[in-house]
Amino acid sequence: MTIDSHQHFWQYHPVKHSWINDQMKVLQQDYLPEDLYQVYQKNGIDGCVAVQADQSENETDFLLSLAKKNSFIKGIVGWVDLRSENLRERLQHYAQYKIIKGFRHVVQDEADPNFIIGEQFKKGIALLKEYGFAYDILIFPAQLEATVQLINEFPEHRFVIDHIAKPNIKEGHIEDWEKYMRQIAVHKNVYCKVSGMVTEADWKNWKYDDFVPYLDIVFEIFGTDRIMYGSDWPVCLLGGTYQSVKGIIDTYISTFTNEDQQKIMGGNAVEFYQLH
């Protein structure tokens, strides 16, 4: 089964989606399952993991409503306030929905580089583990050092790094990012999504070779058992078509064994998110 491990849906609203600025006009519209299904039909994708794009429980409920009507949505990564005093109650509520596989907070937008190791946030992560939910780590490289500390404290929790931690591919920044990614990859409970890379590159002028140094490192340190393909649709449309974005990974893994290709393009996502 070929799985896109990372994509979003939304009914566009300029206030709710204020992060979509005028440089991102292609995103200023609705993106819903009927749109994505056609894209998947053309690109040989069997199913997906729908990830929160808005930080509200309404977003989680919105994704649940879409999944009920669209069987190609195999899992949901929702949002819940991980620092809330009534988090246990909320997780008990969401635990009844087997399609919810994990949660995510948009840590990249937090001003405090140590947000992810705040005491209340860590209590939330501990509760996620108790209820069997995975956690998607969405950060910029400046937050990698704190992320290393978080992962050190939770050696058995299922974590996945979204978008290879968003290195500045456009400017070719790699050394600090690599240092911390190597520290993270030592932990076998941490996976990595090769997703969201085109948005960190030059949207209009990127070329395949821009991504190779980053992919070389990620594949060296995580190996083919802990890497999963994700498109980051529709955000990826800022940098090209779905086909061109998927083509980066298709090209990179074209010399891999069939078994390894199947892991990267679906098997690892099935295992990590328990999509069985």
C-alpha atoms as a PDB file:
ATOM      1  CA  MET A   1       0.000   0.000   0.000  1.00  0.00           C
ATOM      2  CA  THR A   2       1.378   3.389  -1.022  1.00  0.00           C
ATOM      3  CA  ILE A   3       0.759   5.983   1.693  1.00  0.00           C
ATOM      4  CA  ASP A   4       1.208   9.738   1.687  1.00  0.00           C
ATOM      5  CA  SER A   5       2.112  10.212   5.354  1.00  0.00           C
ATOM      6  CA  HIS A   6       1.528  13.961   5.464  1.00  0.00           C
ATOM      7  CA  GLN A   7      -1.125  16.184   3.928  1.00  0.00           C
ATOM      8  CA  HIS A   8      -3.736  18.727   4.974  1.00  0.00           C
ATOM      9  CA  PHE A   9      -7.336  19.678   4.276  1.00  0.00           C
ATOM     10  CA  TRP A  10      -8.989  23.012   4.853  1.00  0.00           C
ATOM     11  CA  GLN A  11     -11.921  25.220   4.046  1.00  0.00           C
ATOM     12  CA  TYR A  12      -9.995  28.420   3.536  1.00  0.00           C
ATOM     13  CA  HIS A  13     -10.679  31.324   5.880  1.00  0.00           C
ATOM     14  CA  PRO A  14      -8.347  34.374   5.881  1.00  0.00           C
ATOM     15  CA  VAL A  15      -8.425  34.794   9.668  1.00  0.00           C
ATOM     16  CA  LYS A  16      -8.255  31.131  10.628  1.00  0.00           C
ATOM     17  CA  HIS A  17      -5.474  30.545   8.092  1.00  0.00           C
ATOM     18  CA  SER A  18      -3.647  33.844   8.605  1.00  0.00           C
ATOM     19  CA  TRP A  19      -0.302  32.120   7.955  1.00  0.00           C
ATOM     20  CA  ILE A  20      -1.298  31.877   4.292  1.00  0.00           C
ATOM     21  CA  ASN A  21      -0.073  35.266   3.076  1.00  0.00           C
ATOM     22  CA  ASP A  22      -0.362  36.903  -0.340  1.00  0.00           C
ATOM     23  CA  GLN A  23       2.823  35.186  -1.518  1.00  0.00           C
ATOM     24  CA  MET A  24       0.866  31.949  -1.132  1.00  0.00           C
ATOM     25  CA  LYS A  25      -2.168  32.786  -3.273  1.00  0.00           C
ATOM     26  CA  VAL A  26      -2.367  29.224  -4.591  1.00  0.00           C
ATOM     27  CA  LEU A  27      -3.297  28.145  -1.050  1.00  0.00           C
ATOM     28  CA  GLN A  28      -6.062  30.740  -0.605  1.00  0.00           C
ATOM     29  CA  GLN A  29      -8.845  28.335  -1.492  1.00  0.00           C
ATOM     30  CA  ASP A  30     -10.500  25.167  -0.205  1.00  0.00           C
ATOM     31  CA  TYR A  31      -8.541  21.914  -0.380  1.00  0.00           C
ATOM     32  CA  LEU A  32     -10.754  18.928   0.338  1.00  0.00           C
ATOM     33  CA  PRO A  33     -10.742  15.125  -0.133  1.00  0.00           C
ATOM     34  CA  GLU A  34     -12.450  15.270  -3.525  1.00  0.00           C
ATOM     35  CA  ASP A  35      -9.546  17.414  -4.785  1.00  0.00           C
ATOM     36  CA  LEU A  36      -6.863  15.164  -3.348  1.00  0.00           C
ATOM     37  CA  TYR A  37      -8.497  11.913  -4.456  1.00  0.00           C
ATOM     38  CA  GLN A  38      -8.055  12.904  -8.100  1.00  0.00           C
ATOM     39  CA  VAL A  39      -4.400  13.743  -7.476  1.00  0.00           C
ATOM     40  CA  TYR A  40      -3.861  10.386  -5.799  1.00  0.00           C
ATOM     41  CA  GLN A  41      -5.508   8.516  -8.666  1.00  0.00           C
ATOM     42  CA  LYS A  42      -3.004  10.067 -11.071  1.00  0.00           C
ATOM     43  CA  ASN A  43      -0.003   9.421  -8.827  1.00  0.00           C
ATOM     44  CA  GLY A  44      -0.619   5.882  -7.574  1.00  0.00           C
ATOM     45  CA  ILE A  45      -1.337   6.759  -3.938  1.00  0.00           C
ATOM     46  CA  ASP A  46      -3.646   4.398  -2.019  1.00  0.00           C
ATOM     47  CA  GLY A  47      -4.180   6.364   1.164  1.00  0.00           C
ATOM     48  CA  CYS A  48      -3.009   9.155   3.411  1.00  0.00           C
ATOM     49  CA  VAL A  49      -2.498  10.481   6.900  1.00  0.00           C
ATOM     50  CA  ALA A  50      -4.382  13.767   7.336  1.00  0.00           C
ATOM     51  CA  VAL A  51      -2.511  16.196   9.597  1.00  0.00           C
ATOM     52  CA  GLN A  52      -3.885  19.193  11.474  1.00  0.00           C
ATOM     53  CA  ALA A  53      -3.324  22.634   9.961  1.00  0.00           C
ATOM     54  CA  ASP A  54      -5.215  24.654  12.585  1.00  0.00           C
ATOM     55  CA  GLN A  55      -4.659  24.548  16.335  1.00  0.00           C
ATOM     56  CA  SER A  56      -8.103  23.746  17.650  1.00  0.00           C
ATOM     57  CA  GLU A  57     -10.133  20.709  18.581  1.00  0.00           C
ATOM     58  CA  ASN A  58     -12.551  21.836  15.877  1.00  0.00           C
ATOM     59  CA  GLU A  59      -9.782  20.944  13.435  1.00  0.00           C
ATOM     60  CA  THR A  60      -9.524  17.423  14.835  1.00  0.00           C
ATOM     61  CA  ASP A  61     -13.298  17.040  14.578  1.00  0.00           C
ATOM     62  CA  PHE A  62     -13.216  18.420  11.012  1.00  0.00           C
ATOM     63  CA  LEU A  63     -10.677  15.761  10.005  1.00  0.00           C
ATOM     64  CA  LEU A  64     -12.778  13.084  11.706  1.00  0.00           C
ATOM     65  CA  SER A  65     -15.817  14.140   9.682  1.00  0.00           C
ATOM     66  CA  LEU A  66     -13.825  13.927   6.441  1.00  0.00           C
ATOM     67  CA  ALA A  67     -12.400  10.510   7.311  1.00  0.00           C
ATOM     68  CA  LYS A  68     -15.894   9.109   7.896  1.00  0.00           C
ATOM     69  CA  LYS A  69     -16.796   9.875   4.277  1.00  0.00           C
ATOM     70  CA  ASN A  70     -13.450   9.124   2.601  1.00  0.00           C
ATOM     71  CA  SER A  71     -11.907   5.702   3.123  1.00  0.00           C
ATOM     72  CA  PHE A  72      -8.582   6.711   1.571  1.00  0.00           C
ATOM     73  CA  ILE A  73      -7.909   8.743   4.742  1.00  0.00           C
ATOM     74  CA  LYS A  74      -6.222   5.993   6.742  1.00  0.00           C
ATOM     75  CA  GLY A  75      -5.183   7.997   9.793  1.00  0.00           C
ATOM     76  CA  ILE A  76      -5.461  11.404  11.453  1.00  0.00           C
ATOM     77  CA  VAL A  77      -2.887  13.482  13.319  1.00  0.00           C
ATOM     78  CA  GLY A  78      -5.056  15.926  15.206  1.00  0.00           C
ATOM     79  CA  TRP A  79      -4.597  18.785  17.626  1.00  0.00           C
ATOM     80  CA  VAL A  80      -5.331  18.915  21.320  1.00  0.00           C
ATOM     81  CA  ASP A  81      -4.003  21.341  23.916  1.00  0.00           C
ATOM     82  CA  LEU A  82      -1.130  19.349  25.357  1.00  0.00           C
ATOM     83  CA  ARG A  83      -0.724  21.865  28.198  1.00  0.00           C
ATOM     84  CA  SER A  84      -4.361  21.714  29.278  1.00  0.00           C
ATOM     85  CA  GLU A  85      -5.314  20.710  32.802  1.00  0.00           C
ATOM     86  CA  ASN A  86      -8.071  18.471  31.407  1.00  0.00           C
ATOM     87  CA  LEU A  87      -5.885  16.780  28.794  1.00  0.00           C
ATOM     88  CA  ARG A  88      -6.559  13.283  30.142  1.00  0.00           C
ATOM     89  CA  GLU A  89     -10.285  13.802  29.668  1.00  0.00           C
ATOM     90  CA  ARG A  90      -9.753  15.025  26.096  1.00  0.00           C
ATOM     91  CA  LEU A  91      -7.503  12.076  25.216  1.00  0.00           C
ATOM     92  CA  GLN A  92     -10.049   9.654  26.650  1.00  0.00           C
ATOM     93  CA  HIS A  93     -12.604  11.266  24.362  1.00  0.00           C
ATOM     94  CA  TYR A  94     -10.409  10.988  21.260  1.00  0.00           C
ATOM     95  CA  ALA A  95      -9.266   7.461  22.104  1.00  0.00           C
ATOM     96  CA  GLN A  96     -12.692   6.192  21.016  1.00  0.00           C
ATOM     97  CA  TYR A  97     -11.820   7.119  17.413  1.00  0.00           C
ATOM     98  CA  LYS A  98      -9.373   4.489  16.213  1.00  0.00           C
ATOM     99  CA  ILE A  99      -8.521   6.529  13.122  1.00  0.00           C
ATOM    100  CA  ILE A 100      -6.829   9.179  15.294  1.00  0.00           C
ATOM    101  CA  LYS A 101      -3.239   7.989  15.396  1.00  0.00           C
ATOM    102  CA  GLY A 102      -1.475  10.942  16.972  1.00  0.00           C
ATOM    103  CA  PHE A 103      -1.346  14.647  17.646  1.00  0.00           C
ATOM    104  CA  ARG A 104       0.744  17.646  16.642  1.00  0.00           C
ATOM    105  CA  HIS A 105       1.415  21.141  17.928  1.00  0.00           C
ATOM    106  CA  VAL A 106       2.796  23.841  15.613  1.00  0.00           C
ATOM    107  CA  VAL A 107       5.936  24.273  17.701  1.00  0.00           C
ATOM    108  CA  GLN A 108       7.673  26.035  14.795  1.00  0.00           C
ATOM    109  CA  ASP A 109       5.492  29.111  15.472  1.00  0.00           C
ATOM    110  CA  GLU A 110       6.367  29.325  19.168  1.00  0.00           C
ATOM    111  CA  ALA A 111       8.743  32.193  19.997  1.00  0.00           C
ATOM    112  CA  ASP A 112      10.399  30.307  22.846  1.00  0.00           C
ATOM    113  CA  PRO A 113      13.011  27.919  21.382  1.00  0.00           C
ATOM    114  CA  ASN A 114      12.565  25.775  24.506  1.00  0.00           C
ATOM    115  CA  PHE A 115       8.769  25.543  24.268  1.00  0.00           C
ATOM    116  CA  ILE A 116       8.923  21.833  23.494  1.00  0.00           C
ATOM    117  CA  ILE A 117      10.676  21.084  26.810  1.00  0.00           C
ATOM    118  CA  GLY A 118       8.350  23.163  28.974  1.00  0.00           C
ATOM    119  CA  GLU A 119       7.184  21.158  31.989  1.00  0.00           C
ATOM    120  CA  GLN A 120       3.487  21.337  31.147  1.00  0.00           C
ATOM    121  CA  PHE A 121       4.127  20.366  27.528  1.00  0.00           C
ATOM    122  CA  LYS A 122       6.208  17.372  28.608  1.00  0.00           C
ATOM    123  CA  LYS A 123       3.380  16.236  30.872  1.00  0.00           C
ATOM    124  CA  GLY A 124       1.204  16.270  27.771  1.00  0.00           C
ATOM    125  CA  ILE A 125       3.684  14.159  25.819  1.00  0.00           C
ATOM    126  CA  ALA A 126       3.753  11.641  28.681  1.00  0.00           C
ATOM    127  CA  LEU A 127      -0.043  11.360  28.548  1.00  0.00           C
ATOM    128  CA  LEU A 128       0.027  10.816  24.783  1.00  0.00           C
ATOM    129  CA  LYS A 129       2.267   7.826  25.363  1.00  0.00           C
ATOM    130  CA  GLU A 130      -0.093   6.491  28.026  1.00  0.00           C
ATOM    131  CA  TYR A 131      -2.955   6.537  25.516  1.00  0.00           C
ATOM    132  CA  GLY A 132      -0.884   5.097  22.683  1.00  0.00           C
ATOM    133  CA  PHE A 133      -0.819   8.211  20.506  1.00  0.00           C
ATOM    134  CA  ALA A 134       2.191   9.166  18.389  1.00  0.00           C
ATOM    135  CA  TYR A 135       3.518  12.726  18.284  1.00  0.00           C
ATOM    136  CA  ASP A 136       4.510  14.643  15.136  1.00  0.00           C
ATOM    137  CA  ILE A 137       7.363  17.093  15.758  1.00  0.00           C
ATOM    138  CA  LEU A 138       7.005  20.260  13.648  1.00  0.00           C
ATOM    139  CA  ILE A 139       9.983  22.536  14.243  1.00  0.00           C
ATOM    140  CA  PHE A 140      12.533  24.808  12.649  1.00  0.00           C
ATOM    141  CA  PRO A 141      16.261  24.042  13.076  1.00  0.00           C
ATOM    142  CA  ALA A 142      16.551  26.614  15.902  1.00  0.00           C
ATOM    143  CA  GLN A 143      14.350  24.308  17.978  1.00  0.00           C
ATOM    144  CA  LEU A 144      16.359  21.161  17.295  1.00  0.00           C
ATOM    145  CA  GLU A 145      18.543  21.454  20.392  1.00  0.00           C
ATOM    146  CA  ALA A 146      15.506  21.472  22.694  1.00  0.00           C
ATOM    147  CA  THR A 147      13.968  18.659  20.657  1.00  0.00           C
ATOM    148  CA  VAL A 148      17.029  16.506  21.336  1.00  0.00           C
ATOM    149  CA  GLN A 149      16.396  17.033  25.058  1.00  0.00           C
ATOM    150  CA  LEU A 150      12.723  16.089  24.709  1.00  0.00           C
ATOM    151  CA  ILE A 151      13.537  12.888  22.851  1.00  0.00           C
ATOM    152  CA  ASN A 152      16.200  11.982  25.415  1.00  0.00           C
ATOM    153  CA  GLU A 153      13.508  12.136  28.105  1.00  0.00           C
ATOM    154  CA  PHE A 154      11.038   9.921  26.234  1.00  0.00           C
ATOM    155  CA  PRO A 155      13.078   7.007  24.853  1.00  0.00           C
ATOM    156  CA  GLU A 156      10.037   4.810  24.201  1.00  0.00           C
ATOM    157  CA  HIS A 157       7.554   7.295  22.776  1.00  0.00           C
ATOM    158  CA  ARG A 158       6.737   7.216  19.054  1.00  0.00           C
ATOM    159  CA  PHE A 159       7.992  10.463  17.519  1.00  0.00           C
ATOM    160  CA  VAL A 160       8.275  11.507  13.898  1.00  0.00           C
ATOM    161  CA  ILE A 161      10.169  14.553  12.642  1.00  0.00           C
ATOM    162  CA  ASP A 162       8.039  16.400  10.099  1.00  0.00           C
ATOM    163  CA  HIS A 163       9.645  17.838   6.957  1.00  0.00           C
ATOM    164  CA  ILE A 164      13.175  16.719   7.961  1.00  0.00           C
ATOM    165  CA  ALA A 165      13.012  19.580  10.543  1.00  0.00           C
ATOM    166  CA  LYS A 166      12.834  22.278   7.854  1.00  0.00           C
ATOM    167  CA  PRO A 167      16.481  23.101   7.114  1.00  0.00           C
ATOM    168  CA  ASN A 168      17.048  26.228   5.017  1.00  0.00           C
ATOM    169  CA  ILE A 169      17.570  24.451   1.712  1.00  0.00           C
ATOM    170  CA  LYS A 170      17.350  27.667  -0.286  1.00  0.00           C
ATOM    171  CA  GLU A 171      20.483  29.011   1.439  1.00  0.00           C
ATOM    172  CA  GLY A 172      22.147  25.607   1.726  1.00  0.00           C
ATOM    173  CA  HIS A 173      22.354  25.668   5.537  1.00  0.00           C
ATOM    174  CA  ILE A 174      23.259  22.194   6.713  1.00  0.00           C
ATOM    175  CA  GLU A 175      25.949  21.918   9.446  1.00  0.00           C
ATOM    176  CA  ASP A 176      24.002  22.773  12.617  1.00  0.00           C
ATOM    177  CA  TRP A 177      20.919  20.984  11.311  1.00  0.00           C
ATOM    178  CA  GLU A 178      22.981  17.863  10.625  1.00  0.00           C
ATOM    179  CA  LYS A 179      24.606  17.910  14.067  1.00  0.00           C
ATOM    180  CA  TYR A 180      21.293  17.782  15.906  1.00  0.00           C
ATOM    181  CA  MET A 181      19.584  15.450  13.457  1.00  0.00           C
ATOM    182  CA  ARG A 182      22.363  12.931  14.042  1.00  0.00           C
ATOM    183  CA  GLN A 183      21.729  13.135  17.795  1.00  0.00           C
ATOM    184  CA  ILE A 184      18.016  12.582  17.229  1.00  0.00           C
ATOM    185  CA  ALA A 185      18.399   9.670  14.821  1.00  0.00           C
ATOM    186  CA  VAL A 186      20.332   7.645  17.402  1.00  0.00           C
ATOM    187  CA  HIS A 187      16.970   7.028  19.076  1.00  0.00           C
ATOM    188  CA  LYS A 188      15.238   4.142  17.310  1.00  0.00           C
ATOM    189  CA  ASN A 189      11.800   5.347  18.439  1.00  0.00           C
ATOM    190  CA  VAL A 190      12.101   8.412  16.193  1.00  0.00           C
ATOM    191  CA  TYR A 191      11.090   8.350  12.526  1.00  0.00           C
ATOM    192  CA  CYS A 192      11.488  11.053   9.883  1.00  0.00           C
ATOM    193  CA  LYS A 193       9.219  12.276   7.097  1.00  0.00           C
ATOM    194  CA  VAL A 194      10.863  13.210   3.814  1.00  0.00           C
ATOM    195  CA  SER A 195       8.234  15.849   3.205  1.00  0.00           C
ATOM    196  CA  GLY A 196       7.844  19.610   3.017  1.00  0.00           C
ATOM    197  CA  MET A 197      11.247  20.148   1.442  1.00  0.00           C
ATOM    198  CA  VAL A 198      10.258  22.237  -1.573  1.00  0.00           C
ATOM    199  CA  THR A 199       8.811  24.948   0.657  1.00  0.00           C
ATOM    200  CA  GLU A 200      12.237  25.383   2.282  1.00  0.00           C
ATOM    201  CA  ALA A 201      13.905  25.618  -1.144  1.00  0.00           C
ATOM    202  CA  ASP A 202      13.608  28.288  -3.833  1.00  0.00           C
ATOM    203  CA  TRP A 203       9.948  27.845  -4.788  1.00  0.00           C
ATOM    204  CA  LYS A 204      10.382  28.833  -8.416  1.00  0.00           C
ATOM    205  CA  ASN A 205      13.916  27.674  -9.180  1.00  0.00           C
ATOM    206  CA  TRP A 206      14.651  24.572  -7.127  1.00  0.00           C
ATOM    207  CA  LYS A 207      16.312  21.600  -8.742  1.00  0.00           C
ATOM    208  CA  TYR A 208      16.627  17.985  -7.650  1.00  0.00           C
ATOM    209  CA  ASP A 209      20.297  18.383  -6.696  1.00  0.00           C
ATOM    210  CA  ASP A 210      19.356  20.976  -4.044  1.00  0.00           C
ATOM    211  CA  PHE A 211      17.797  18.230  -1.933  1.00  0.00           C
ATOM    212  CA  VAL A 212      20.379  15.477  -2.334  1.00  0.00           C
ATOM    213  CA  PRO A 213      22.786  16.585   0.459  1.00  0.00           C
ATOM    214  CA  TYR A 214      19.911  16.626   2.960  1.00  0.00           C
ATOM    215  CA  LEU A 215      18.457  13.341   1.767  1.00  0.00           C
ATOM    216  CA  ASP A 216      21.908  11.733   1.891  1.00  0.00           C
ATOM    217  CA  ILE A 217      22.194  12.625   5.575  1.00  0.00           C
ATOM    218  CA  VAL A 218      18.640  11.652   6.503  1.00  0.00           C
ATOM    219  CA  PHE A 219      18.892   8.261   4.812  1.00  0.00           C
ATOM    220  CA  GLU A 220      22.315   7.610   6.317  1.00  0.00           C
ATOM    221  CA  ILE A 221      21.217   8.325   9.888  1.00  0.00           C
ATOM    222  CA  PHE A 222      17.620   7.046   9.938  1.00  0.00           C
ATOM    223  CA  GLY A 223      17.974   4.208   7.433  1.00  0.00           C
ATOM    224  CA  THR A 224      15.216   2.846   5.238  1.00  0.00           C
ATOM    225  CA  ASP A 225      13.205   1.447   8.181  1.00  0.00           C
ATOM    226  CA  ARG A 226      12.418   4.830   9.763  1.00  0.00           C
ATOM    227  CA  ILE A 227      11.780   7.162   6.836  1.00  0.00           C
ATOM    228  CA  MET A 228       8.368   7.801   5.311  1.00  0.00           C
ATOM    229  CA  TYR A 229       7.277   9.710   2.239  1.00  0.00           C
ATOM    230  CA  GLY A 230       4.925  12.644   2.684  1.00  0.00           C
ATOM    231  CA  SER A 231       3.827  15.275   0.201  1.00  0.00           C
ATOM    232  CA  ASP A 232       2.711  18.134   2.476  1.00  0.00           C
ATOM    233  CA  TRP A 233      -0.098  18.750  -0.043  1.00  0.00           C
ATOM    234  CA  PRO A 234      -1.443  21.347  -0.641  1.00  0.00           C
ATOM    235  CA  VAL A 235       1.385  23.434   0.878  1.00  0.00           C
ATOM    236  CA  CYS A 236       3.782  21.705  -1.530  1.00  0.00           C
ATOM    237  CA  LEU A 237       1.965  23.399  -4.421  1.00  0.00           C
ATOM    238  CA  LEU A 238       3.934  26.540  -3.551  1.00  0.00           C
ATOM    239  CA  GLY A 239       6.921  24.793  -5.094  1.00  0.00           C
ATOM    240  CA  GLY A 240       5.441  22.666  -7.858  1.00  0.00           C
ATOM    241  CA  THR A 241       2.941  19.995  -8.795  1.00  0.00           C
ATOM    242  CA  TYR A 242       2.238  16.940  -6.661  1.00  0.00           C
ATOM    243  CA  GLN A 243       3.999  14.837  -9.294  1.00  0.00           C
ATOM    244  CA  SER A 244       7.156  16.974  -9.254  1.00  0.00           C
ATOM    245  CA  VAL A 245       7.345  16.908  -5.458  1.00  0.00           C
ATOM    246  CA  LYS A 246       6.820  13.152  -5.247  1.00  0.00           C
ATOM    247  CA  GLY A 247       9.333  12.823  -8.077  1.00  0.00           C
ATOM    248  CA  ILE A 248      12.141  14.060  -5.826  1.00  0.00           C
ATOM    249  CA  ILE A 249      11.752  11.008  -3.593  1.00  0.00           C
ATOM    250  CA  ASP A 250      10.943   8.660  -6.481  1.00  0.00           C
ATOM    251  CA  THR A 251      14.208   9.658  -8.129  1.00  0.00           C
ATOM    252  CA  TYR A 252      16.265   9.429  -4.960  1.00  0.00           C
ATOM    253  CA  ILE A 253      15.080   5.922  -4.050  1.00  0.00           C
ATOM    254  CA  SER A 254      14.982   4.585  -7.614  1.00  0.00           C
ATOM    255  CA  THR A 255      18.120   2.481  -7.056  1.00  0.00           C
ATOM    256  CA  PHE A 256      16.904   1.077  -3.708  1.00  0.00           C
ATOM    257  CA  THR A 257      15.575  -2.470  -3.425  1.00  0.00           C
ATOM    258  CA  ASN A 258      11.861  -2.954  -4.037  1.00  0.00           C
ATOM    259  CA  GLU A 259      11.470  -3.866  -0.377  1.00  0.00           C
ATOM    260  CA  ASP A 260      13.060  -0.616   0.796  1.00  0.00           C
ATOM    261  CA  GLN A 261      11.066   1.439  -1.696  1.00  0.00           C
ATOM    262  CA  GLN A 262       7.849  -0.098  -0.380  1.00  0.00           C
ATOM    263  CA  LYS A 263       8.839   0.707   3.209  1.00  0.00           C
ATOM    264  CA  ILE A 264       9.540   4.352   2.412  1.00  0.00           C
ATOM    265  CA  MET A 265       6.441   4.783   0.261  1.00  0.00           C
ATOM    266  CA  GLY A 266       4.007   3.187   2.678  1.00  0.00           C
ATOM    267  CA  GLY A 267       5.199   0.352   4.882  1.00  0.00           C
ATOM    268  CA  ASN A 268       6.937   2.523   7.460  1.00  0.00           C
ATOM    269  CA  ALA A 269       3.923   4.836   7.733  1.00  0.00           C
ATOM    270  CA  VAL A 270       1.652   1.819   8.259  1.00  0.00           C
ATOM    271  CA  GLU A 271       3.935   0.574  11.034  1.00  0.00           C
ATOM    272  CA  PHE A 272       4.516   3.926  12.741  1.00  0.00           C
ATOM    273  CA  TYR A 273       0.908   5.094  12.694  1.00  0.00           C
ATOM    274  CA  GLN A 274      -0.532   1.591  13.125  1.00  0.00           C
ATOM    275  CA  LEU A 275      -2.698   1.949  10.026  1.00  0.00           C
ATOM    276  CA  HIS A 276      -3.522  -1.768   9.860  1.00  0.00           C
END
